[in-house]
PDB file of N, CA and C in Angstrom:
ATOM      1  N   UNK A   1       1.361  27.896-120.431  1.00  0.00           N
ATOM      2  CA  UNK A   1       0.819  29.141-119.828  1.00  0.00           C
ATOM      3  C   UNK A   1       1.924  29.862-119.061  1.00  0.00           C
ATOM      4  N   UNK A   2       2.706  29.031-118.361  1.00  0.00           N
ATOM      5  CA  UNK A   2       3.904  29.668-117.567  1.00  0.00           C
ATOM      6  C   UNK A   2       4.856  30.412-118.379  1.00  0.00           C
ATOM      7  N   UNK A   3       5.074  29.764-119.602  1.00  0.00           N
ATOM      8  CA  UNK A   3       5.995  30.499-120.619  1.00  0.00           C
ATOM      9  C   UNK A   3       5.391  31.875-121.012  1.00  0.00           C
ATOM     10  N   UNK A   4       4.133  31.930-121.273  1.00  0.00           N
ATOM     11  CA  UNK A   4       3.575  33.141-121.724  1.00  0.00           C
ATOM     12  C   UNK A   4       3.691  34.167-120.609  1.00  0.00           C
ATOM     13  N   UNK A   5       3.376  33.650-119.387  1.00  0.00           N
ATOM     14  CA  UNK A   5       3.645  34.721-118.220  1.00  0.00           C
ATOM     15  C   UNK A   5       5.022  35.218-118.132  1.00  0.00           C
ATOM     16  N   UNK A   6       5.978  34.336-118.306  1.00  0.00           N
ATOM     17  CA  UNK A   6       7.334  34.762-118.466  1.00  0.00           C
ATOM     18  C   UNK A   6       7.595  35.691-119.519  1.00  0.00           C
ATOM     19  N   UNK A   7       6.963  35.347-120.649  1.00  0.00           N
ATOM     20  CA  UNK A   7       7.262  36.345-121.934  1.00  0.00           C
ATOM     21  C   UNK A   7       6.657  37.725-121.605  1.00  0.00           C
ATOM     22  N   UNK A   8       5.488  37.691-120.888  1.00  0.00           N
ATOM     23  CA  UNK A   8       4.963  38.947-120.626  1.00  0.00           C
ATOM     24  C   UNK A   8       5.753  39.824-119.643  1.00  0.00           C
ATOM     25  N   UNK A   9       6.338  39.249-118.690  1.00  0.00           N
ATOM     26  CA  UNK A   9       7.372  39.757-117.786  1.00  0.00           C
ATOM     27  C   UNK A   9       8.552  40.279-118.576  1.00  0.00           C
ATOM     28  N   UNK A  10       9.011  39.608-119.612  1.00  0.00           N
ATOM     29  CA  UNK A  10      10.132  40.054-120.409  1.00  0.00           C
ATOM     30  C   UNK A  10       9.679  41.255-121.120  1.00  0.00           C
ATOM     31  N   UNK A  11       8.465  41.298-121.799  1.00  0.00           N
ATOM     32  CA  UNK A  11       8.207  42.314-122.527  1.00  0.00           C
ATOM     33  C   UNK A  11       7.848  43.597-121.620  1.00  0.00           C
ATOM     34  N   UNK A  12       7.441  43.434-120.487  1.00  0.00           N
ATOM     35  CA  UNK A  12       7.343  44.604-119.427  1.00  0.00           C
ATOM     36  C   UNK A  12       8.811  45.270-119.417  1.00  0.00           C
ATOM     37  N   UNK A  13       9.702  44.347-119.044  1.00  0.00           N
ATOM     38  CA  UNK A  13      11.054  44.902-118.860  1.00  0.00           C
ATOM     39  C   UNK A  13      11.527  45.579-120.264  1.00  0.00           C
ATOM     40  N   UNK A  14      11.211  45.132-121.343  1.00  0.00           N
ATOM     41  CA  UNK A  14      11.437  45.721-122.700  1.00  0.00           C
ATOM     42  C   UNK A  14      10.920  47.123-122.728  1.00  0.00           C
ATOM     43  N   UNK A  15       9.594  47.128-122.366  1.00  0.00           N
ATOM     44  CA  UNK A  15       8.910  48.356-122.557  1.00  0.00           C
ATOM     45  C   UNK A  15       9.482  49.452-121.518  1.00  0.00           C
ATOM     46  N   UNK A  16       9.979  49.108-120.407  1.00  0.00           N
ATOM     47  CA  UNK A  16      10.677  49.955-119.405  1.00  0.00           C
ATOM     48  C   UNK A  16      11.814  50.479-120.055  1.00  0.00           C
ATOM     49  N   UNK A  17      12.650  49.505-120.643  1.00  0.00           N
ATOM     50  CA  UNK A  17      13.819  49.883-121.321  1.00  0.00           C
ATOM     51  C   UNK A  17      13.595  50.940-122.423  1.00  0.00           C
ATOM     52  N   UNK A  18      12.503  50.630-123.250  1.00  0.00           N
ATOM     53  CA  UNK A  18      12.275  51.582-124.286  1.00  0.00           C
ATOM     54  C   UNK A  18      11.797  52.909-123.758  1.00  0.00           C
ATOM     55  N   UNK A  19      11.142  52.977-122.656  1.00  0.00           N
ATOM     56  CA  UNK A  19      10.721  54.188-122.107  1.00  0.00           C
ATOM     57  C   UNK A  19      12.016  54.984-121.680  1.00  0.00           C
ATOM     58  N   UNK A  20      12.880  54.384-120.933  1.00  0.00           N
ATOM     59  CA  UNK A  20      14.116  54.912-120.606  1.00  0.00           C
ATOM     60  C   UNK A  20      15.020  55.436-121.711  1.00  0.00           C
ATOM     61  N   UNK A  21      14.908  54.817-122.855  1.00  0.00           N
ATOM     62  CA  UNK A  21      15.754  55.253-123.975  1.00  0.00           C
ATOM     63  C   UNK A  21      14.888  55.958-124.932  1.00  0.00           C
ATOM     64  N   UNK A  22      13.674  56.380-124.644  1.00  0.00           N
ATOM     65  CA  UNK A  22      12.806  57.003-125.479  1.00  0.00           C
ATOM     66  C   UNK A  22      12.613  56.596-126.826  1.00  0.00           C
ATOM     67  N   UNK A  23      12.615  55.243-126.933  1.00  0.00           N
ATOM     68  CA  UNK A  23      12.479  54.319-128.265  1.00  0.00           C
ATOM     69  C   UNK A  23      11.010  54.235-128.333  1.00  0.00           C
ATOM     70  N   UNK A  24      10.245  54.879-129.021  1.00  0.00           N
ATOM     71  CA  UNK A  24       8.821  54.735-129.297  1.00  0.00           C
ATOM     72  C   UNK A  24       8.521  53.653-130.041  1.00  0.00           C
ATOM     73  N   UNK A  25       9.324  53.325-131.126  1.00  0.00           N
ATOM     74  CA  UNK A  25       8.970  52.107-131.852  1.00  0.00           C
ATOM     75  C   UNK A  25       9.213  50.782-131.174  1.00  0.00           C
ATOM     76  N   UNK A  26      10.183  50.700-130.319  1.00  0.00           N
ATOM     77  CA  UNK A  26      10.360  49.559-129.466  1.00  0.00           C
ATOM     78  C   UNK A  26       9.167  49.461-128.446  1.00  0.00           C
ATOM     79  N   UNK A  27       8.872  50.667-128.063  1.00  0.00           N
ATOM     80  CA  UNK A  27       7.784  50.586-126.948  1.00  0.00           C
ATOM     81  C   UNK A  27       6.382  50.112-127.610  1.00  0.00           C
ATOM     82  N   UNK A  28       6.066  50.573-128.615  1.00  0.00           N
ATOM     83  CA  UNK A  28       4.775  50.272-129.437  1.00  0.00           C
ATOM     84  C   UNK A  28       4.837  48.782-129.831  1.00  0.00           C
ATOM     85  N   UNK A  29       5.937  48.303-130.277  1.00  0.00           N
ATOM     86  CA  UNK A  29       6.162  46.838-130.691  1.00  0.00           C
ATOM     87  C   UNK A  29       5.879  45.886-129.481  1.00  0.00           C
ATOM     88  N   UNK A  30       6.724  46.339-128.372  1.00  0.00           N
ATOM     89  CA  UNK A  30       6.488  45.488-127.277  1.00  0.00           C
ATOM     90  C   UNK A  30       5.124  45.532-126.611  1.00  0.00           C
ATOM     91  N   UNK A  31       4.537  46.669-126.545  1.00  0.00           N
ATOM     92  CA  UNK A  31       3.194  46.903-125.910  1.00  0.00           C
ATOM     93  C   UNK A  31       2.277  46.101-126.820  1.00  0.00           C
ATOM     94  N   UNK A  32       2.415  45.921-128.254  1.00  0.00           N
ATOM     95  CA  UNK A  32       1.619  45.090-129.015  1.00  0.00           C
ATOM     96  C   UNK A  32       1.784  43.665-128.767  1.00  0.00           C
ATOM     97  N   UNK A  33       3.111  43.200-128.378  1.00  0.00           N
ATOM     98  CA  UNK A  33       3.331  41.895-127.904  1.00  0.00           C
ATOM     99  C   UNK A  33       2.553  41.512-126.759  1.00  0.00           C
ATOM    100  N   UNK A  34       2.538  42.454-125.679  1.00  0.00           N
ATOM    101  CA  UNK A  34       1.860  42.194-124.432  1.00  0.00           C
ATOM    102  C   UNK A  34       0.374  41.917-124.795  1.00  0.00           C
ATOM    103  N   UNK A  35      -0.318  42.781-125.611  1.00  0.00           N
ATOM    104  CA  UNK A  35      -1.599  42.583-125.860  1.00  0.00           C
ATOM    105  C   UNK A  35      -1.919  41.330-126.583  1.00  0.00           C
ATOM    106  N   UNK A  36      -1.009  41.034-127.603  1.00  0.00           N
ATOM    107  CA  UNK A  36      -1.027  39.752-128.138  1.00  0.00           C
ATOM    108  C   UNK A  36      -1.086  38.428-127.266  1.00  0.00           C
ATOM    109  N   UNK A  37       0.007  38.482-126.495  1.00  0.00           N
ATOM    110  CA  UNK A  37       0.118  37.342-125.510  1.00  0.00           C
ATOM    111  C   UNK A  37      -1.165  37.338-124.606  1.00  0.00           C
ATOM    112  N   UNK A  38      -1.639  38.417-124.130  1.00  0.00           N
ATOM    113  CA  UNK A  38      -2.814  38.387-123.360  1.00  0.00           C
ATOM    114  C   UNK A  38      -3.976  37.809-124.055  1.00  0.00           C
ATOM    115  N   UNK A  39      -4.185  38.154-125.276  1.00  0.00           N
ATOM    116  CA  UNK A  39      -5.254  37.600-126.079  1.00  0.00           C
ATOM    117  C   UNK A  39      -5.003  36.102-126.345  1.00  0.00           C
ATOM    118  N   UNK A  40      -3.776  35.666-126.480  1.00  0.00           N
ATOM    119  CA  UNK A  40      -3.636  34.287-126.590  1.00  0.00           C
ATOM    120  C   UNK A  40      -3.990  33.336-125.362  1.00  0.00           C
ATOM    121  N   UNK A  41      -3.576  34.101-124.163  1.00  0.00           N
ATOM    122  CA  UNK A  41      -3.916  33.506-122.937  1.00  0.00           C
ATOM    123  C   UNK A  41      -5.530  33.335-122.760  1.00  0.00           C
ATOM    124  N   UNK A  42      -6.290  34.361-123.207  1.00  0.00           N
ATOM    125  CA  UNK A  42      -7.634  34.340-123.078  1.00  0.00           C
ATOM    126  C   UNK A  42      -8.231  33.194-123.912  1.00  0.00           C
ATOM    127  N   UNK A  43      -7.671  33.086-125.178  1.00  0.00           N
ATOM    128  CA  UNK A  43      -8.159  32.100-126.106  1.00  0.00           C
ATOM    129  C   UNK A  43      -7.780  30.678-125.774  1.00  0.00           C
ATOM    130  N   UNK A  44      -6.610  30.467-125.123  1.00  0.00           N
ATOM    131  CA  UNK A  44      -6.274  29.149-124.702  1.00  0.00           C
ATOM    132  C   UNK A  44      -7.110  28.649-123.402  1.00  0.00           C
ATOM    133  N   UNK A  45      -7.274  29.580-122.554  1.00  0.00           N
ATOM    134  CA  UNK A  45      -7.998  29.354-121.286  1.00  0.00           C
ATOM    135  C   UNK A  45      -9.560  29.071-121.774  1.00  0.00           C
ATOM    136  N   UNK A  46     -10.146  29.847-122.529  1.00  0.00           N
ATOM    137  CA  UNK A  46     -11.449  29.851-122.905  1.00  0.00           C
ATOM    138  C   UNK A  46     -11.650  28.466-123.670  1.00  0.00           C
ATOM    139  N   UNK A  47     -10.761  27.964-124.495  1.00  0.00           N
ATOM    140  CA  UNK A  47     -10.878  26.690-125.336  1.00  0.00           C
ATOM    141  C   UNK A  47     -10.659  25.632-124.336  1.00  0.00           C
ATOM    142  N   UNK A  48      -9.807  25.701-123.416  1.00  0.00           N
ATOM    143  CA  UNK A  48      -9.616  24.659-122.366  1.00  0.00           C
ATOM    144  C   UNK A  48     -10.677  24.392-121.480  1.00  0.00           C
ATOM    145  N   UNK A  49     -11.314  25.334-121.199  1.00  0.00           N
ATOM    146  CA  UNK A  49     -12.595  25.377-120.276  1.00  0.00           C
ATOM    147  C   UNK A  49     -13.655  24.520-120.906  1.00  0.00           C
ATOM    148  N   UNK A  50     -13.821  24.576-122.203  1.00  0.00           N
ATOM    149  CA  UNK A  50     -14.717  23.845-123.016  1.00  0.00           C
ATOM    150  C   UNK A  50     -14.615  22.312-122.823  1.00  0.00           C
ATOM    151  N   UNK A  51     -13.463  21.888-122.344  1.00  0.00           N
ATOM    152  CA  UNK A  51     -13.239  20.388-122.191  1.00  0.00           C
ATOM    153  C   UNK A  51     -13.884  20.006-120.749  1.00  0.00           C
ATOM    154  N   UNK A  52     -14.288  20.800-119.993  1.00  0.00           N
ATOM    155  CA  UNK A  52     -14.747  20.504-118.666  1.00  0.00           C
ATOM    156  C   UNK A  52     -16.293  20.752-118.529  1.00  0.00           C
ATOM    157  N   UNK A  53     -16.848  19.923-117.604  1.00  0.00           N
ATOM    158  CA  UNK A  53     -18.244  20.092-117.324  1.00  0.00           C
ATOM    159  C   UNK A  53     -18.415  21.506-116.794  1.00  0.00           C
ATOM    160  N   UNK A  54     -19.678  22.044-117.151  1.00  0.00           N
ATOM    161  CA  UNK A  54     -19.992  23.402-116.648  1.00  0.00           C
ATOM    162  C   UNK A  54     -20.129  23.286-115.152  1.00  0.00           C
ATOM    163  N   UNK A  55     -19.779  24.284-114.475  1.00  0.00           N
ATOM    164  CA  UNK A  55     -19.877  24.237-112.917  1.00  0.00           C
ATOM    165  C   UNK A  55     -19.244  25.690-112.508  1.00  0.00           C
ATOM    166  N   UNK A  56     -19.235  25.796-111.136  1.00  0.00           N
ATOM    167  CA  UNK A  56     -18.837  27.010-110.554  1.00  0.00           C
ATOM    168  C   UNK A  56     -17.362  27.357-110.885  1.00  0.00           C
ATOM    169  N   UNK A  57     -16.484  26.328-111.086  1.00  0.00           N
ATOM    170  CA  UNK A  57     -15.139  26.661-111.397  1.00  0.00           C
ATOM    171  C   UNK A  57     -15.037  27.116-112.847  1.00  0.00           C
ATOM    172  N   UNK A  58     -15.620  26.288-113.750  1.00  0.00           N
ATOM    173  CA  UNK A  58     -15.744  26.818-115.213  1.00  0.00           C
ATOM    174  C   UNK A  58     -16.297  28.173-115.298  1.00  0.00           C
ATOM    175  N   UNK A  59     -17.342  28.416-114.635  1.00  0.00           N
ATOM    176  CA  UNK A  59     -17.933  29.760-114.710  1.00  0.00           C
ATOM    177  C   UNK A  59     -16.993  30.947-114.367  1.00  0.00           C
ATOM    178  N   UNK A  60     -16.305  30.594-113.107  1.00  0.00           N
ATOM    179  CA  UNK A  60     -15.390  31.641-112.616  1.00  0.00           C
ATOM    180  C   UNK A  60     -14.124  31.870-113.625  1.00  0.00           C
ATOM    181  N   UNK A  61     -13.693  30.754-114.210  1.00  0.00           N
ATOM    182  CA  UNK A  61     -12.735  30.919-115.308  1.00  0.00           C
ATOM    183  C   UNK A  61     -13.108  31.794-116.433  1.00  0.00           C
ATOM    184  N   UNK A  62     -14.310  31.449-116.880  1.00  0.00           N
ATOM    185  CA  UNK A  62     -14.729  32.280-118.033  1.00  0.00           C
ATOM    186  C   UNK A  62     -15.012  33.675-117.518  1.00  0.00           C
ATOM    187  N   UNK A  63     -15.431  34.021-116.425  1.00  0.00           N
ATOM    188  CA  UNK A  63     -15.588  35.341-115.932  1.00  0.00           C
ATOM    189  C   UNK A  63     -14.238  36.083-115.879  1.00  0.00           C
ATOM    190  N   UNK A  64     -13.204  35.314-115.573  1.00  0.00           N
ATOM    191  CA  UNK A  64     -11.883  35.995-115.343  1.00  0.00           C
ATOM    192  C   UNK A  64     -11.262  36.224-116.837  1.00  0.00           C
ATOM    193  N   UNK A  65     -11.644  35.296-117.795  1.00  0.00           N
ATOM    194  CA  UNK A  65     -11.238  35.580-119.154  1.00  0.00           C
ATOM    195  C   UNK A  65     -11.801  36.852-119.678  1.00  0.00           C
ATOM    196  N   UNK A  66     -13.010  37.051-119.406  1.00  0.00           N
ATOM    197  CA  UNK A  66     -13.776  38.214-119.693  1.00  0.00           C
ATOM    198  C   UNK A  66     -13.137  39.329-119.117  1.00  0.00           C
ATOM    199  N   UNK A  67     -12.879  39.256-117.845  1.00  0.00           N
ATOM    200  CA  UNK A  67     -12.108  40.368-117.074  1.00  0.00           C
ATOM    201  C   UNK A  67     -10.822  40.730-117.862  1.00  0.00           C
ATOM    202  N   UNK A  68     -10.133  39.805-118.283  1.00  0.00           N
ATOM    203  CA  UNK A  68      -8.765  40.130-118.847  1.00  0.00           C
ATOM    204  C   UNK A  68      -9.037  40.696-120.184  1.00  0.00           C
ATOM    205  N   UNK A  69      -9.992  40.063-120.998  1.00  0.00           N
ATOM    206  CA  UNK A  69     -10.098  40.317-122.453  1.00  0.00           C
ATOM    207  C   UNK A  69     -10.724  41.845-122.540  1.00  0.00           C
ATOM    208  N   UNK A  70     -11.801  42.096-121.705  1.00  0.00           N
ATOM    209  CA  UNK A  70     -12.417  43.402-121.678  1.00  0.00           C
ATOM    210  C   UNK A  70     -11.804  44.450-120.872  1.00  0.00           C
ATOM    211  N   UNK A  71     -11.994  44.265-119.551  1.00  0.00           N
ATOM    212  CA  UNK A  71     -11.808  45.375-118.517  1.00  0.00           C
ATOM    213  C   UNK A  71     -10.233  45.660-118.417  1.00  0.00           C
ATOM    214  N   UNK A  72      -9.510  44.525-118.293  1.00  0.00           N
ATOM    215  CA  UNK A  72      -8.052  44.761-118.035  1.00  0.00           C
ATOM    216  C   UNK A  72      -7.444  45.421-119.192  1.00  0.00           C
ATOM    217  N   UNK A  73      -7.712  44.772-120.327  1.00  0.00           N
ATOM    218  CA  UNK A  73      -7.083  45.390-121.551  1.00  0.00           C
ATOM    219  C   UNK A  73      -7.524  46.706-121.895  1.00  0.00           C
ATOM    220  N   UNK A  74      -8.818  47.140-121.645  1.00  0.00           N
ATOM    221  CA  UNK A  74      -9.326  48.455-121.586  1.00  0.00           C
ATOM    222  C   UNK A  74      -8.470  49.413-120.798  1.00  0.00           C
ATOM    223  N   UNK A  75      -8.240  48.970-119.523  1.00  0.00           N
ATOM    224  CA  UNK A  75      -7.484  49.721-118.627  1.00  0.00           C
ATOM    225  C   UNK A  75      -6.061  49.907-119.231  1.00  0.00           C
ATOM    226  N   UNK A  76      -5.514  48.826-119.640  1.00  0.00           N
ATOM    227  CA  UNK A  76      -4.129  48.905-120.220  1.00  0.00           C
ATOM    228  C   UNK A  76      -3.989  49.909-121.356  1.00  0.00           C
ATOM    229  N   UNK A  77      -5.078  50.015-122.283  1.00  0.00           N
ATOM    230  CA  UNK A  77      -4.988  50.741-123.449  1.00  0.00           C
ATOM    231  C   UNK A  77      -5.130  52.247-122.878  1.00  0.00           C
ATOM    232  N   UNK A  78      -5.937  52.495-122.032  1.00  0.00           N
ATOM    233  CA  UNK A  78      -6.099  53.852-121.508  1.00  0.00           C
ATOM    234  C   UNK A  78      -4.879  54.341-121.000  1.00  0.00           C
ATOM    235  N   UNK A  79      -4.204  53.458-120.080  1.00  0.00           N
ATOM    236  CA  UNK A  79      -2.918  53.851-119.399  1.00  0.00           C
ATOM    237  C   UNK A  79      -1.969  54.082-120.380  1.00  0.00           C
ATOM    238  N   UNK A  80      -1.843  53.147-121.383  1.00  0.00           N
ATOM    239  CA  UNK A  80      -0.779  53.267-122.333  1.00  0.00           C
ATOM    240  C   UNK A  80      -0.862  54.436-123.275  1.00  0.00           C
ATOM    241  N   UNK A  81      -2.109  54.751-123.648  1.00  0.00           N
ATOM    242  CA  UNK A  81      -2.437  56.009-124.338  1.00  0.00           C
ATOM    243  C   UNK A  81      -2.038  57.222-123.690  1.00  0.00           C
ATOM    244  N   UNK A  82      -2.235  57.198-122.388  1.00  0.00           N
ATOM    245  CA  UNK A  82      -1.880  58.384-121.516  1.00  0.00           C
ATOM    246  C   UNK A  82      -0.412  58.514-121.304  1.00  0.00           C
ATOM    247  N   UNK A  83       0.352  57.539-121.597  1.00  0.00           N
ATOM    248  CA  UNK A  83       1.716  57.568-121.346  1.00  0.00           C
ATOM    249  C   UNK A  83       2.402  58.732-122.195  1.00  0.00           C
ATOM    250  N   UNK A  84       1.916  58.983-123.359  1.00  0.00           N
ATOM    251  CA  UNK A  84       2.594  59.944-124.304  1.00  0.00           C
ATOM    252  C   UNK A  84       2.374  61.354-123.885  1.00  0.00           C
ATOM    253  N   UNK A  85       1.441  61.551-122.841  1.00  0.00           N
ATOM    254  CA  UNK A  85       1.045  62.908-122.437  1.00  0.00           C
ATOM    255  C   UNK A  85       1.846  63.290-121.181  1.00  0.00           C
ATOM    256  N   UNK A  86       2.624  62.380-120.523  1.00  0.00           N
ATOM    257  CA  UNK A  86       3.146  62.593-119.130  1.00  0.00           C
ATOM    258  C   UNK A  86       4.549  62.895-119.275  1.00  0.00           C
ATOM    259  N   UNK A  87       5.239  63.250-118.250  1.00  0.00           N
ATOM    260  CA  UNK A  87       6.610  63.410-118.079  1.00  0.00           C
ATOM    261  C   UNK A  87       7.393  62.101-117.986  1.00  0.00           C
ATOM    262  N   UNK A  88       8.615  62.027-118.191  1.00  0.00           N
ATOM    263  CA  UNK A  88       9.322  60.809-118.262  1.00  0.00           C
ATOM    264  C   UNK A  88       9.091  59.880-116.983  1.00  0.00           C
ATOM    265  N   UNK A  89       9.130  60.360-115.773  1.00  0.00           N
ATOM    266  CA  UNK A  89       8.919  59.722-114.612  1.00  0.00           C
ATOM    267  C   UNK A  89       7.530  59.237-114.589  1.00  0.00           C
ATOM    268  N   UNK A  90       6.564  60.147-114.856  1.00  0.00           N
ATOM    269  CA  UNK A  90       5.027  59.702-114.778  1.00  0.00           C
ATOM    270  C   UNK A  90       4.953  58.639-115.804  1.00  0.00           C
ATOM    271  N   UNK A  91       5.440  58.791-116.938  1.00  0.00           N
ATOM    272  CA  UNK A  91       5.342  57.825-118.066  1.00  0.00           C
ATOM    273  C   UNK A  91       5.763  56.325-117.596  1.00  0.00           C
ATOM    274  N   UNK A  92       6.975  56.369-117.081  1.00  0.00           N
ATOM    275  CA  UNK A  92       7.553  55.088-116.550  1.00  0.00           C
ATOM    276  C   UNK A  92       6.587  54.472-115.521  1.00  0.00           C
ATOM    277  N   UNK A  93       6.134  55.318-114.587  1.00  0.00           N
ATOM    278  CA  UNK A  93       5.222  54.648-113.464  1.00  0.00           C
ATOM    279  C   UNK A  93       3.851  54.138-114.022  1.00  0.00           C
ATOM    280  N   UNK A  94       3.281  55.107-114.930  1.00  0.00           N
ATOM    281  CA  UNK A  94       2.022  54.584-115.586  1.00  0.00           C
ATOM    282  C   UNK A  94       2.163  53.395-116.395  1.00  0.00           C
ATOM    283  N   UNK A  95       3.224  53.206-117.178  1.00  0.00           N
ATOM    284  CA  UNK A  95       3.510  52.050-118.018  1.00  0.00           C
ATOM    285  C   UNK A  95       3.724  50.911-117.123  1.00  0.00           C
ATOM    286  N   UNK A  96       4.610  50.943-116.160  1.00  0.00           N
ATOM    287  CA  UNK A  96       4.675  49.832-115.301  1.00  0.00           C
ATOM    288  C   UNK A  96       3.456  49.326-114.586  1.00  0.00           C
ATOM    289  N   UNK A  97       2.724  50.296-114.186  1.00  0.00           N
ATOM    290  CA  UNK A  97       1.388  49.990-113.483  1.00  0.00           C
ATOM    291  C   UNK A  97       0.258  49.295-114.522  1.00  0.00           C
ATOM    292  N   UNK A  98       0.406  49.674-115.807  1.00  0.00           N
ATOM    293  CA  UNK A  98      -0.531  49.089-116.819  1.00  0.00           C
ATOM    294  C   UNK A  98      -0.029  47.624-117.248  1.00  0.00           C
ATOM    295  N   UNK A  99       1.302  47.508-117.177  1.00  0.00           N
ATOM    296  CA  UNK A  99       1.890  46.121-117.661  1.00  0.00           C
ATOM    297  C   UNK A  99       1.589  45.267-116.360  1.00  0.00           C
ATOM    298  N   UNK A 100       1.905  45.636-115.249  1.00  0.00           N
ATOM    299  CA  UNK A 100       1.655  44.884-114.097  1.00  0.00           C
ATOM    300  C   UNK A 100       0.245  44.306-113.942  1.00  0.00           C
ATOM    301  N   UNK A 101      -0.699  45.322-114.407  1.00  0.00           N
ATOM    302  CA  UNK A 101      -2.147  44.810-114.376  1.00  0.00           C
ATOM    303  C   UNK A 101      -2.314  43.698-115.291  1.00  0.00           C
ATOM    304  N   UNK A 102      -1.831  43.807-116.516  1.00  0.00           N
ATOM    305  CA  UNK A 102      -1.889  42.769-117.525  1.00  0.00           C
ATOM    306  C   UNK A 102      -1.231  41.486-117.114  1.00  0.00           C
ATOM    307  N   UNK A 103      -0.137  41.649-116.453  1.00  0.00           N
ATOM    308  CA  UNK A 103       0.613  40.447-116.010  1.00  0.00           C
ATOM    309  C   UNK A 103      -0.117  39.676-114.895  1.00  0.00           C
ATOM    310  N   UNK A 104      -0.616  40.498-113.906  1.00  0.00           N
ATOM    311  CA  UNK A 104      -1.472  40.035-112.837  1.00  0.00           C
ATOM    312  C   UNK A 104      -2.687  39.294-113.284  1.00  0.00           C
ATOM    313  N   UNK A 105      -3.290  39.950-114.272  1.00  0.00           N
ATOM    314  CA  UNK A 105      -4.612  39.303-114.805  1.00  0.00           C
ATOM    315  C   UNK A 105      -4.185  38.040-115.561  1.00  0.00           C
ATOM    316  N   UNK A 106      -3.184  37.906-116.312  1.00  0.00           N
ATOM    317  CA  UNK A 106      -2.847  36.750-117.127  1.00  0.00           C
ATOM    318  C   UNK A 106      -2.530  35.619-116.151  1.00  0.00           C
ATOM    319  N   UNK A 107      -1.638  35.982-114.985  1.00  0.00           N
ATOM    320  CA  UNK A 107      -1.211  34.952-113.955  1.00  0.00           C
ATOM    321  C   UNK A 107      -2.410  34.439-113.256  1.00  0.00           C
ATOM    322  N   UNK A 108      -3.389  35.270-112.915  1.00  0.00           N
ATOM    323  CA  UNK A 108      -4.635  34.853-112.382  1.00  0.00           C
ATOM    324  C   UNK A 108      -5.368  33.940-113.268  1.00  0.00           C
ATOM    325  N   UNK A 109      -5.467  34.174-114.474  1.00  0.00           N
ATOM    326  CA  UNK A 109      -6.105  33.141-115.425  1.00  0.00           C
ATOM    327  C   UNK A 109      -5.497  31.830-115.457  1.00  0.00           C
ATOM    328  N   UNK A 110      -4.200  31.876-115.346  1.00  0.00           N
ATOM    329  CA  UNK A 110      -3.408  30.638-115.406  1.00  0.00           C
ATOM    330  C   UNK A 110      -3.744  29.779-114.228  1.00  0.00           C
ATOM    331  N   UNK A 111      -3.681  30.453-113.086  1.00  0.00           N
ATOM    332  CA  UNK A 111      -3.851  29.744-111.764  1.00  0.00           C
ATOM    333  C   UNK A 111      -5.359  29.265-111.760  1.00  0.00           C
ATOM    334  N   UNK A 112      -6.253  30.022-112.185  1.00  0.00           N
ATOM    335  CA  UNK A 112      -7.671  29.462-112.231  1.00  0.00           C
ATOM    336  C   UNK A 112      -7.936  28.338-113.279  1.00  0.00           C
ATOM    337  N   UNK A 113      -7.154  28.356-114.266  1.00  0.00           N
ATOM    338  CA  UNK A 113      -7.290  27.102-115.223  1.00  0.00           C
ATOM    339  C   UNK A 113      -6.711  25.929-114.614  1.00  0.00           C
ATOM    340  N   UNK A 114      -5.596  26.245-113.848  1.00  0.00           N
ATOM    341  CA  UNK A 114      -4.938  24.983-113.118  1.00  0.00           C
ATOM    342  C   UNK A 114      -5.897  24.327-111.936  1.00  0.00           C
ATOM    343  N   UNK A 115      -6.647  25.344-111.326  1.00  0.00           N
ATOM    344  CA  UNK A 115      -7.484  24.790-110.340  1.00  0.00           C
ATOM    345  C   UNK A 115      -8.621  24.005-110.957  1.00  0.00           C
ATOM    346  N   UNK A 116      -9.039  24.444-112.100  1.00  0.00           N
ATOM    347  CA  UNK A 116     -10.183  23.872-112.879  1.00  0.00           C
ATOM    348  C   UNK A 116      -9.742  22.567-113.254  1.00  0.00           C
ATOM    349  N   UNK A 117      -8.525  22.435-113.824  1.00  0.00           N
ATOM    350  CA  UNK A 117      -8.016  21.062-114.168  1.00  0.00           C
ATOM    351  C   UNK A 117      -7.874  20.094-113.033  1.00  0.00           C
ATOM    352  N   UNK A 118      -7.410  20.753-111.871  1.00  0.00           N
ATOM    353  CA  UNK A 118      -7.347  19.840-110.761  1.00  0.00           C
ATOM    354  C   UNK A 118      -8.718  19.267-110.195  1.00  0.00           C
ATOM    355  N   UNK A 119      -9.725  20.202-110.331  1.00  0.00           N
ATOM    356  CA  UNK A 119     -11.049  19.823-109.825  1.00  0.00           C
ATOM    357  C   UNK A 119     -11.913  19.017-110.751  1.00  0.00           C
ATOM    358  N   UNK A 120     -11.303  18.769-111.875  1.00  0.00           N
ATOM    359  CA  UNK A 120     -12.176  18.176-113.066  1.00  0.00           C
ATOM    360  C   UNK A 120     -12.145  16.654-112.887  1.00  0.00           C
TER     361      UNK A 120
END
């Protein structure tokens, strides 16, 4: 999971570079990679939680998986789609904010899964 977190950060940097270079193809490909990585984080964490007895920790982990899968990704899509309507500076700021939200959510899922493993 740490590797995925690092890859998401790399993808954020690639998106920033794509915005600076006005490379829409690279931007779309990298944004898709971010979405895919976040989906894999959700799938791995959800599968891992099934190995533990139900309890407050596992419940909280599943709540955060749902948070990332539904609410955070929806926010990311809205911000990402809005990027095309904004000026260059606004586009950069909006995209970085959307990517940061995805990275933060993925990082939180990782930490909660580790806590769950520790307490099992």
